[in-house]
C-alpha atoms as a PDB file:
ATOM      1  CA  MET A   1     136.351 115.955 115.869  1.00  0.00           C
ATOM      2  CA  ASP A   2     136.890 115.220 119.224  1.00  0.00           C
ATOM      3  CA  GLU A   3     140.041 113.171 119.273  1.00  0.00           C
ATOM      4  CA  GLN A   4     139.593 112.048 122.844  1.00  0.00           C
ATOM      5  CA  ARG A   5     136.625 109.912 121.803  1.00  0.00           C
ATOM      6  CA  SER A   6     136.788 106.468 121.166  1.00  0.00           C
ATOM      7  CA  ALA A   7     136.715 103.762 118.550  1.00  0.00           C
ATOM      8  CA  VAL A   8     133.764 101.440 118.128  1.00  0.00           C
ATOM      9  CA  VAL A   9     133.359  97.936 116.811  1.00  0.00           C
ATOM     10  CA  LEU A  10     130.800  96.191 115.225  1.00  0.00           C
ATOM     11  CA  PHE A  11     130.441  92.536 114.712  1.00  0.00           C
ATOM     12  CA  PHE A  12     127.878  91.601 112.428  1.00  0.00           C
ATOM     13  CA  TYR A  13     127.051  88.537 110.443  1.00  0.00           C
ATOM     14  CA  ASN A  14     123.604  87.425 108.504  1.00  0.00           C
ATOM     15  CA  ARG A  15     121.071  90.174 109.583  1.00  0.00           C
ATOM     16  CA  PRO A  16     120.483  93.292 107.259  1.00  0.00           C
ATOM     17  CA  ASP A  17     117.800  94.664 109.371  1.00  0.00           C
ATOM     18  CA  HIS A  18     119.123  94.601 112.674  1.00  0.00           C
ATOM     19  CA  LEU A  19     122.570  95.565 111.424  1.00  0.00           C
ATOM     20  CA  ARG A  20     121.011  99.047 109.358  1.00  0.00           C
ATOM     21  CA  GLN A  21     119.564 100.340 113.533  1.00  0.00           C
ATOM     22  CA  VAL A  22     122.745  99.698 114.976  1.00  0.00           C
ATOM     23  CA  LEU A  23     124.925 101.133 112.109  1.00  0.00           C
ATOM     24  CA  GLU A  24     122.421 104.342 112.382  1.00  0.00           C
ATOM     25  CA  ARG A  25     123.010 104.916 115.821  1.00  0.00           C
ATOM     26  CA  ILE A  26     127.046 104.309 115.814  1.00  0.00           C
ATOM     27  CA  ILE A  27     127.000 106.965 113.094  1.00  0.00           C
ATOM     28  CA  ARG A  28     124.965 109.549 114.909  1.00  0.00           C
ATOM     29  CA  SER A  29     127.770 109.060 117.870  1.00  0.00           C
ATOM     30  CA  GLU A  30     130.512 110.085 115.543  1.00  0.00           C
ATOM     31  CA  PRO A  31     133.528 107.843 117.149  1.00  0.00           C
ATOM     32  CA  LYS A  32     136.762 108.122 116.034  1.00  0.00           C
ATOM     33  CA  ALA A  33     136.652 105.820 114.249  1.00  0.00           C
ATOM     34  CA  LEU A  34     134.919 102.548 113.153  1.00  0.00           C
ATOM     35  CA  TYR A  35     136.134  98.861 113.304  1.00  0.00           C
ATOM     36  CA  LEU A  36     133.934  96.489 110.914  1.00  0.00           C
ATOM     37  CA  VAL A  37     133.858  93.048 111.753  1.00  0.00           C
ATOM     38  CA  SER A  38     132.687  90.333 109.719  1.00  0.00           C
ATOM     39  CA  ASP A  39     132.778  86.299 110.139  1.00  0.00           C
ATOM     40  CA  GLY A  40     132.791  84.265 107.305  1.00  0.00           C
ATOM     41  CA  PRO A  41     129.530  81.775 106.162  1.00  0.00           C
ATOM     42  CA  LYS A  42     128.422  78.344 107.794  1.00  0.00           C
ATOM     43  CA  SER A  43     126.344  77.721 104.916  1.00  0.00           C
ATOM     44  CA  SER A  44     124.929  78.781 101.314  1.00  0.00           C
ATOM     45  CA  VAL A  45     122.499  80.912 102.814  1.00  0.00           C
ATOM     46  CA  ASP A  46     124.605  82.560 105.185  1.00  0.00           C
ATOM     47  CA  LYS A  47     126.424  83.322 102.307  1.00  0.00           C
ATOM     48  CA  ALA A  48     123.875  85.510 100.659  1.00  0.00           C
ATOM     49  CA  ASP A  49     123.443  87.442 104.156  1.00  0.00           C
ATOM     50  CA  ILE A  50     126.530  88.147 104.779  1.00  0.00           C
ATOM     51  CA  GLN A  51     127.044  89.864 101.779  1.00  0.00           C
ATOM     52  CA  ALA A  52     123.915  91.624 101.800  1.00  0.00           C
ATOM     53  CA  CYS A  53     124.971  92.964 105.095  1.00  0.00           C
ATOM     54  CA  ARG A  54     128.751  93.689 103.533  1.00  0.00           C
ATOM     55  CA  SER A  55     127.536  95.749 100.551  1.00  0.00           C
ATOM     56  CA  ILE A  56     124.650  97.752 103.265  1.00  0.00           C
ATOM     57  CA  VAL A  57     127.883  98.764 105.860  1.00  0.00           C
ATOM     58  CA  ASP A  58     130.711  99.112 102.451  1.00  0.00           C
ATOM     59  CA  ALA A  59     128.029 101.175 100.390  1.00  0.00           C
ATOM     60  CA  THR A  60     127.525 103.963 103.719  1.00  0.00           C
ATOM     61  CA  PRO A  61     128.919 107.509 103.827  1.00  0.00           C
ATOM     62  CA  TYR A  62     130.656 107.501 107.108  1.00  0.00           C
ATOM     63  CA  PRO A  63     132.057 111.157 108.427  1.00  0.00           C
ATOM     64  CA  PHE A  64     134.744 109.302 110.118  1.00  0.00           C
ATOM     65  CA  PRO A  65     137.610 107.141 109.639  1.00  0.00           C
ATOM     66  CA  VAL A  66     136.509 103.108 108.596  1.00  0.00           C
ATOM     67  CA  PHE A  67     138.633 100.045 108.565  1.00  0.00           C
ATOM     68  CA  HIS A  68     137.146  96.279 108.000  1.00  0.00           C
ATOM     69  CA  LYS A  69     138.068  92.973 108.947  1.00  0.00           C
ATOM     70  CA  TYR A  70     136.091  90.101 106.421  1.00  0.00           C
ATOM     71  CA  ALA A  71     136.845  86.271 107.182  1.00  0.00           C
ATOM     72  CA  ASP A  72     136.145  84.347 103.796  1.00  0.00           C
ATOM     73  CA  HIS A  73     135.351  81.068 106.250  1.00  0.00           C
ATOM     74  CA  ASN A  74     133.537  80.912 109.087  1.00  0.00           C
ATOM     75  CA  LEU A  75     135.764  81.251 112.353  1.00  0.00           C
ATOM     76  CA  GLY A  76     132.796  80.847 114.615  1.00  0.00           C
ATOM     77  CA  VAL A  77     132.021  83.362 117.597  1.00  0.00           C
ATOM     78  CA  ALA A  78     134.329  81.805 119.856  1.00  0.00           C
ATOM     79  CA  ARG A  79     137.270  83.315 117.232  1.00  0.00           C
ATOM     80  CA  SER A  80     136.075  85.619 115.629  1.00  0.00           C
ATOM     81  CA  ILE A  81     135.086  88.724 118.366  1.00  0.00           C
ATOM     82  CA  PRO A  82     138.829  87.692 120.078  1.00  0.00           C
ATOM     83  CA  GLU A  83     140.811  88.065 116.535  1.00  0.00           C
ATOM     84  CA  GLY A  84     138.737  91.128 115.863  1.00  0.00           C
ATOM     85  CA  LEU A  85     139.542  92.565 118.940  1.00  0.00           C
ATOM     86  CA  ASP A  86     143.312  91.676 119.028  1.00  0.00           C
ATOM     87  CA  TRP A  87     143.224  93.331 115.576  1.00  0.00           C
ATOM     88  CA  VAL A  88     141.523  96.718 117.156  1.00  0.00           C
ATOM     89  CA  PHE A  89     143.472  96.737 120.448  1.00  0.00           C
ATOM     90  CA  SER A  90     146.453  96.489 118.363  1.00  0.00           C
ATOM     91  CA  ARG A  91     146.063  99.663 116.950  1.00  0.00           C
ATOM     92  CA  GLU A  92     143.792 101.665 119.056  1.00  0.00           C
ATOM     93  CA  ALA A  93     143.785 102.739 122.825  1.00  0.00           C
ATOM     94  CA  LYS A  94     140.253 101.551 124.323  1.00  0.00           C
ATOM     95  CA  ALA A  95     136.862 100.497 122.241  1.00  0.00           C
ATOM     96  CA  ILE A  96     133.582 100.589 122.770  1.00  0.00           C
ATOM     97  CA  ILE A  97     131.829  97.345 121.643  1.00  0.00           C
ATOM     98  CA  LEU A  98     128.742  96.331 119.400  1.00  0.00           C
ATOM     99  CA  GLU A  99     127.006  93.407 117.928  1.00  0.00           C
ATOM    100  CA  ASP A 100     124.571  94.097 114.967  1.00  0.00           C
ATOM    101  CA  ASP A 101     121.785  93.240 117.448  1.00  0.00           C
ATOM    102  CA  VAL A 102     123.012  95.304 120.757  1.00  0.00           C
ATOM    103  CA  ILE A 103     121.058  98.989 119.843  1.00  0.00           C
ATOM    104  CA  PRO A 104     122.371 101.805 122.038  1.00  0.00           C
ATOM    105  CA  GLU A 105     120.273 104.329 123.257  1.00  0.00           C
ATOM    106  CA  PRO A 106     121.568 107.708 122.980  1.00  0.00           C
ATOM    107  CA  GLY A 107     122.947 107.159 126.687  1.00  0.00           C
ATOM    108  CA  PHE A 108     125.047 104.753 126.169  1.00  0.00           C
ATOM    109  CA  PHE A 109     127.581 106.764 124.448  1.00  0.00           C
ATOM    110  CA  PRO A 110     128.426 109.250 126.450  1.00  0.00           C
ATOM    111  CA  PHE A 111     128.170 107.235 129.731  1.00  0.00           C
ATOM    112  CA  MET A 112     131.001 105.042 128.094  1.00  0.00           C
ATOM    113  CA  GLU A 113     133.418 107.565 126.731  1.00  0.00           C
ATOM    114  CA  LYS A 114     132.799 109.406 130.434  1.00  0.00           C
ATOM    115  CA  MET A 115     133.754 105.819 132.296  1.00  0.00           C
ATOM    116  CA  LEU A 116     136.417 105.287 129.857  1.00  0.00           C
ATOM    117  CA  VAL A 117     138.527 108.264 131.058  1.00  0.00           C
ATOM    118  CA  ASP A 118     137.315 108.163 134.838  1.00  0.00           C
ATOM    119  CA  TYR A 119     138.550 104.838 135.098  1.00  0.00           C
ATOM    120  CA  ARG A 120     141.240 103.811 132.395  1.00  0.00           C
ATOM    121  CA  ASN A 121     144.081 104.304 135.608  1.00  0.00           C
ATOM    122  CA  ASP A 122     142.176 102.166 138.005  1.00  0.00           C
ATOM    123  CA  PRO A 123     143.829  98.993 138.615  1.00  0.00           C
ATOM    124  CA  ARG A 124     140.472  97.291 140.064  1.00  0.00           C
ATOM    125  CA  ILE A 125     138.492  98.207 136.510  1.00  0.00           C
ATOM    126  CA  ASP A 126     138.624  95.876 133.369  1.00  0.00           C
ATOM    127  CA  LEU A 127     135.854  97.105 131.513  1.00  0.00           C
ATOM    128  CA  ILE A 128     132.615  99.048 131.380  1.00  0.00           C
ATOM    129  CA  MET A 129     129.202  97.256 130.678  1.00  0.00           C
ATOM    130  CA  GLY A 130     125.923  98.745 129.345  1.00  0.00           C
ATOM    131  CA  HIS A 131     123.576  96.276 130.261  1.00  0.00           C
ATOM    132  CA  GLN A 132     122.702  94.443 133.076  1.00  0.00           C
ATOM    133  CA  LEU A 133     120.239  91.906 133.417  1.00  0.00           C
ATOM    134  CA  ALA A 134     118.880  92.963 136.954  1.00  0.00           C
ATOM    135  CA  ASP A 135     115.845  95.142 138.007  1.00  0.00           C
ATOM    136  CA  LEU A 136     117.852  97.202 140.997  1.00  0.00           C
ATOM    137  CA  ALA A 137     116.656  99.353 143.708  1.00  0.00           C
ATOM    138  CA  LEU A 138     118.371 102.128 142.404  1.00  0.00           C
ATOM    139  CA  PRO A 139     118.058 105.635 140.743  1.00  0.00           C
ATOM    140  CA  ASP A 140     118.557 105.818 136.951  1.00  0.00           C
ATOM    141  CA  HIS A 141     122.077 108.045 136.849  1.00  0.00           C
ATOM    142  CA  TYR A 142     123.551 105.614 139.633  1.00  0.00           C
ATOM    143  CA  TYR A 143     126.455 102.803 138.568  1.00  0.00           C
ATOM    144  CA  PHE A 144     128.106 100.244 140.535  1.00  0.00           C
ATOM    145  CA  PHE A 145     131.041  98.374 140.075  1.00  0.00           C
ATOM    146  CA  THR A 146     130.887  94.029 139.705  1.00  0.00           C
ATOM    147  CA  ARG A 147     132.582  90.769 139.066  1.00  0.00           C
ATOM    148  CA  PHE A 148     130.022  89.545 136.070  1.00  0.00           C
ATOM    149  CA  CYS A 149     130.472  91.149 133.102  1.00  0.00           C
ATOM    150  CA  LEU A 150     128.083  88.354 131.088  1.00  0.00           C
ATOM    151  CA  PRO A 151     126.028  89.274 128.952  1.00  0.00           C
ATOM    152  CA  PRO A 152     128.123  91.611 127.004  1.00  0.00           C
ATOM    153  CA  TRP A 153     125.105  93.549 124.984  1.00  0.00           C
ATOM    154  CA  GLY A 154     127.430  96.711 124.542  1.00  0.00           C
ATOM    155  CA  TRP A 155     130.376  97.220 126.332  1.00  0.00           C
ATOM    156  CA  ALA A 156     133.774  98.901 126.296  1.00  0.00           C
ATOM    157  CA  THR A 157     137.319  98.570 127.658  1.00  0.00           C
ATOM    158  CA  TRP A 158     141.007  99.606 127.007  1.00  0.00           C
ATOM    159  CA  ALA A 159     143.575  97.927 124.763  1.00  0.00           C
ATOM    160  CA  ALA A 160     146.171  97.115 128.125  1.00  0.00           C
ATOM    161  CA  ASN A 161     143.947  95.088 129.954  1.00  0.00           C
ATOM    162  CA  TRP A 162     142.266  93.049 126.460  1.00  0.00           C
ATOM    163  CA  ASN A 163     145.161  92.006 125.989  1.00  0.00           C
ATOM    164  CA  THR A 164     145.829  90.109 129.015  1.00  0.00           C
ATOM    165  CA  TYR A 165     143.159  87.906 128.425  1.00  0.00           C
ATOM    166  CA  ASP A 166     143.355  84.163 128.589  1.00  0.00           C
ATOM    167  CA  PHE A 167     141.326  82.690 126.147  1.00  0.00           C
ATOM    168  CA  HIS A 168     142.501  79.633 127.051  1.00  0.00           C
ATOM    169  CA  MET A 169     141.871  79.937 130.637  1.00  0.00           C
ATOM    170  CA  ARG A 170     145.301  78.223 131.487  1.00  0.00           C
ATOM    171  CA  ALA A 171     144.660  79.649 135.246  1.00  0.00           C
ATOM    172  CA  TRP A 172     141.683  77.206 135.102  1.00  0.00           C
ATOM    173  CA  PRO A 173     140.876  74.293 137.605  1.00  0.00           C
ATOM    174  CA  ASP A 174     143.651  75.368 139.985  1.00  0.00           C
ATOM    175  CA  CYS A 175     142.492  78.612 141.090  1.00  0.00           C
ATOM    176  CA  ARG A 176     138.521  77.019 142.066  1.00  0.00           C
ATOM    177  CA  GLU A 177     139.056  77.370 145.245  1.00  0.00           C
ATOM    178  CA  THR A 178     140.073  80.954 144.987  1.00  0.00           C
ATOM    179  CA  LEU A 179     137.256  81.951 142.585  1.00  0.00           C
ATOM    180  CA  ARG A 180     134.709  80.532 145.493  1.00  0.00           C
ATOM    181  CA  ASP A 181     136.107  82.666 147.852  1.00  0.00           C
ATOM    182  CA  VAL A 182     137.329  86.023 146.540  1.00  0.00           C
ATOM    183  CA  ALA A 183     134.238  85.813 143.993  1.00  0.00           C
ATOM    184  CA  GLY A 184     131.211  84.404 145.731  1.00  0.00           C
ATOM    185  CA  LEU A 185     130.917  82.053 142.870  1.00  0.00           C
ATOM    186  CA  ASP A 186     128.231  79.289 142.660  1.00  0.00           C
ATOM    187  CA  MET A 187     131.335  76.329 141.516  1.00  0.00           C
ATOM    188  CA  ALA A 188     127.972  74.157 141.092  1.00  0.00           C
ATOM    189  CA  PHE A 189     127.054  75.988 138.122  1.00  0.00           C
ATOM    190  CA  TRP A 190     130.059  77.516 137.149  1.00  0.00           C
ATOM    191  CA  SER A 191     132.654  75.056 136.910  1.00  0.00           C
ATOM    192  CA  PRO A 192     130.724  72.091 134.293  1.00  0.00           C
ATOM    193  CA  ILE A 193     130.837  75.548 132.020  1.00  0.00           C
ATOM    194  CA  LEU A 194     134.697  76.515 132.976  1.00  0.00           C
ATOM    195  CA  ASN A 195     135.438  73.622 132.481  1.00  0.00           C
ATOM    196  CA  ARG A 196     133.591  73.024 128.806  1.00  0.00           C
ATOM    197  CA  ASN A 197     135.225  76.528 127.658  1.00  0.00           C
ATOM    198  CA  GLN A 198     138.488  75.574 128.571  1.00  0.00           C
ATOM    199  CA  HIS A 199     138.321  72.745 126.336  1.00  0.00           C
ATOM    200  CA  GLN A 200     135.828  73.139 123.600  1.00  0.00           C
ATOM    201  CA  PRO A 201     134.669  77.090 123.722  1.00  0.00           C
ATOM    202  CA  ARG A 202     131.266  77.806 121.954  1.00  0.00           C
ATOM    203  CA  SER A 203     132.247  81.470 123.194  1.00  0.00           C
ATOM    204  CA  TRP A 204     134.504  83.865 123.870  1.00  0.00           C
ATOM    205  CA  ASP A 205     132.596  85.610 127.353  1.00  0.00           C
ATOM    206  CA  ILE A 206     132.981  83.395 129.636  1.00  0.00           C
ATOM    207  CA  GLN A 207     136.397  83.164 129.272  1.00  0.00           C
ATOM    208  CA  TRP A 208     136.758  86.811 129.509  1.00  0.00           C
ATOM    209  CA  ASN A 209     134.406  87.286 132.827  1.00  0.00           C
ATOM    210  CA  PHE A 210     136.557  84.530 134.399  1.00  0.00           C
ATOM    211  CA  TRP A 211     139.481  86.795 133.658  1.00  0.00           C
ATOM    212  CA  LEU A 212     138.197  89.030 135.889  1.00  0.00           C
ATOM    213  CA  TRP A 213     137.446  86.598 138.261  1.00  0.00           C
ATOM    214  CA  TYR A 214     140.735  85.279 138.521  1.00  0.00           C
ATOM    215  CA  ARG A 215     142.513  88.840 138.371  1.00  0.00           C
ATOM    216  CA  GLN A 216     139.677  89.833 141.401  1.00  0.00           C
ATOM    217  CA  THR A 217     139.193  92.802 138.991  1.00  0.00           C
ATOM    218  CA  MET A 218     135.566  94.150 138.220  1.00  0.00           C
ATOM    219  CA  ALA A 219     133.316  96.062 135.822  1.00  0.00           C
ATOM    220  CA  VAL A 220     131.576  99.458 135.640  1.00  0.00           C
ATOM    221  CA  VAL A 221     127.637  99.066 135.416  1.00  0.00           C
ATOM    222  CA  PRO A 222     124.837 101.611 135.157  1.00  0.00           C
ATOM    223  CA  ALA A 223     121.585 100.726 137.430  1.00  0.00           C
ATOM    224  CA  ARG A 224     119.600 100.861 134.856  1.00  0.00           C
ATOM    225  CA  SER A 225     120.279  99.160 130.808  1.00  0.00           C
ATOM    226  CA  LEU A 226     121.705 101.430 128.224  1.00  0.00           C
ATOM    227  CA  THR A 227     121.311  99.018 125.363  1.00  0.00           C
ATOM    228  CA  THR A 228     118.435  96.882 124.340  1.00  0.00           C
ATOM    229  CA  ASN A 229     118.945  93.252 122.459  1.00  0.00           C
ATOM    230  CA  ILE A 230     116.641  93.026 119.653  1.00  0.00           C
ATOM    231  CA  GLY A 231     118.157  89.594 118.493  1.00  0.00           C
ATOM    232  CA  PHE A 232     115.832  87.414 120.251  1.00  0.00           C
ATOM    233  CA  GLY A 233     115.529  84.368 117.377  1.00  0.00           C
ATOM    234  CA  PRO A 234     116.174  82.054 114.583  1.00  0.00           C
ATOM    235  CA  LYS A 235     119.260  84.021 113.781  1.00  0.00           C
ATOM    236  CA  ALA A 236     120.678  83.888 116.751  1.00  0.00           C
ATOM    237  CA  THR A 237     124.000  82.289 117.442  1.00  0.00           C
ATOM    238  CA  PHE A 238     122.391  81.433 121.279  1.00  0.00           C
ATOM    239  CA  THR A 239     119.341  83.404 122.268  1.00  0.00           C
ATOM    240  CA  ARG A 240     117.196  81.465 119.589  1.00  0.00           C
ATOM    241  CA  TRP A 241     114.018  82.013 121.534  1.00  0.00           C
ATOM    242  CA  PRO A 242     112.099  85.336 120.911  1.00  0.00           C
ATOM    243  CA  HIS A 243     109.611  84.924 124.001  1.00  0.00           C
ATOM    244  CA  SER A 244     112.355  85.345 126.286  1.00  0.00           C
ATOM    245  CA  GLY A 245     111.990  87.125 129.641  1.00  0.00           C
ATOM    246  CA  PHE A 246     115.559  89.159 128.905  1.00  0.00           C
ATOM    247  CA  ALA A 247     114.012  90.553 125.647  1.00  0.00           C
ATOM    248  CA  ARG A 248     113.368  93.684 126.881  1.00  0.00           C
ATOM    249  CA  PRO A 249     113.900  97.306 125.487  1.00  0.00           C
ATOM    250  CA  ALA A 250     116.962  99.322 127.378  1.00  0.00           C
ATOM    251  CA  THR A 251     115.164 101.314 129.992  1.00  0.00           C
ATOM    252  CA  ILE A 252     117.540 104.726 130.251  1.00  0.00           C
ATOM    253  CA  THR A 253     117.255 106.773 127.399  1.00  0.00           C
ATOM    254  CA  ASP A 254     118.967 110.209 128.527  1.00  0.00           C
ATOM    255  CA  SER A 255     121.922 111.195 127.247  1.00  0.00           C
ATOM    256  CA  ALA A 256     123.332 113.946 129.889  1.00  0.00           C
ATOM    257  CA  ILE A 257     122.642 111.775 132.734  1.00  0.00           C
ATOM    258  CA  PRO A 258     124.711 113.193 135.739  1.00  0.00           C
ATOM    259  CA  TRP A 259     125.710 109.501 137.060  1.00  0.00           C
ATOM    260  CA  GLN A 260     126.642 108.705 140.858  1.00  0.00           C
ATOM    261  CA  LEU A 261     128.787 106.094 141.823  1.00  0.00           C
ATOM    262  CA  ALA A 262     126.202 104.293 143.854  1.00  0.00           C
ATOM    263  CA  GLU A 263     127.044 103.637 147.693  1.00  0.00           C
ATOM    264  CA  ARG A 264     129.236 100.812 148.636  1.00  0.00           C
ATOM    265  CA  ALA A 265     129.699 100.071 145.086  1.00  0.00           C
ATOM    266  CA  GLU A 266     133.464  98.445 146.014  1.00  0.00           C
ATOM    267  CA  ARG A 267     131.521  95.446 148.176  1.00  0.00           C
ATOM    268  CA  LEU A 268     129.555  94.754 145.125  1.00  0.00           C
ATOM    269  CA  PRO A 269     126.034  94.939 146.549  1.00  0.00           C
ATOM    270  CA  PHE A 270     124.120  93.881 143.091  1.00  0.00           C
ATOM    271  CA  ASP A 271     126.069  91.024 142.439  1.00  0.00           C
ATOM    272  CA  HIS A 272     124.181  87.812 144.126  1.00  0.00           C
ATOM    273  CA  LEU A 273     121.262  88.998 142.145  1.00  0.00           C
ATOM    274  CA  LEU A 274     123.352  89.180 138.768  1.00  0.00           C
ATOM    275  CA  GLN A 275     124.886  85.877 139.357  1.00  0.00           C
ATOM    276  CA  GLN A 276     120.952  85.031 139.758  1.00  0.00           C
ATOM    277  CA  GLN A 277     120.122  86.525 136.122  1.00  0.00           C
ATOM    278  CA  ILE A 278     122.894  85.127 134.176  1.00  0.00           C
ATOM    279  CA  GLN A 279     122.559  82.182 135.478  1.00  0.00           C
ATOM    280  CA  THR A 280     119.173  81.853 134.387  1.00  0.00           C
ATOM    281  CA  LEU A 281     119.858  83.559 131.455  1.00  0.00           C
ATOM    282  CA  ILE A 282     122.614  80.536 131.139  1.00  0.00           C
ATOM    283  CA  ARG A 283     120.252  77.782 131.649  1.00  0.00           C
ATOM    284  CA  GLU A 284     117.795  78.952 129.167  1.00  0.00           C
ATOM    285  CA  VAL A 285     120.338  78.542 125.986  1.00  0.00           C
ATOM    286  CA  MET A 286     121.197  75.412 127.298  1.00  0.00           C
ATOM    287  CA  SER A 287     118.183  74.236 127.601  1.00  0.00           C
ATOM    288  CA  GLY A 288     117.794  74.880 123.556  1.00  0.00           C
ATOM    289  CA  LYS A 289     115.244  77.837 123.615  1.00  0.00           C
ATOM    290  CA  GLY A 290     118.851  79.989 123.252  1.00  0.00           C
ATOM    291  CA  ARG A 291     120.383  77.045 121.539  1.00  0.00           C
ATOM    292  CA  ALA A 292     121.113  76.848 118.181  1.00  0.00           C
ATOM    293  CA  PRO A 293     120.812  73.433 116.353  1.00  0.00           C
ATOM    294  CA  SER A 294     123.881  72.955 115.273  1.00  0.00           C
ATOM    295  CA  ASP A 295     124.862  73.385 119.121  1.00  0.00           C
ATOM    296  CA  LYS A 296     122.079  70.699 120.502  1.00  0.00           C
END
């Protein structure tokens, strides 16, 4: 096996049917290793579903090394994902990250692997994204840079970059003016969200995107999404509305695309559009359409 291949991390919880689909795609990609991270149950109903998921992954034969991190008690997504990644990046220099409702198309893994190599020593880049929300006027084979890494529906990064991440956002709110000027943020929208996630975090990804803004770094993003989120529905943590306009399939399935950097990519030409789409998704979640009952 090619030792230059990356490890894959799979976070899963209580959806056996979703898990089978994602696991099949991962096995087919033949990663360097697979890290399986499972949070503990919130309820007795969750406990049965979680055990079913763990039984699936434990009974599956793998042609590569597999490592497990199973929590006995519920940590919540705000803790389980950062703690799981801390564990992975104590052992791996780079990794590709998926959740149990994110289906990677064949082009996803080659894109991740290529960009992890191409940008591994570039201080401007903190991560590689496999999904973005906007419909962009670019050919399929283009990619570009952005300061927005939400939502994290299939992504990759390096241990050196992840290990700088400050979950507690200790630089906020002193950097408010810098974020507005450098990242072009709509602070009327983002300030309340950053305040809440600093003091009562419900997730981890807002803090991760804050870290890009604060460090003035970027993500690499394909012009068309390489993953499909199949998790819109009642068992989702946030995206509980099955009829969301964001519940749409990946638009690239080719595994052999000759990727090309878009012109003026360094000028972040699509950040305004991406910010609008991300805000729309967050408003959907906050309105209750994407929110779990216990979060209301």
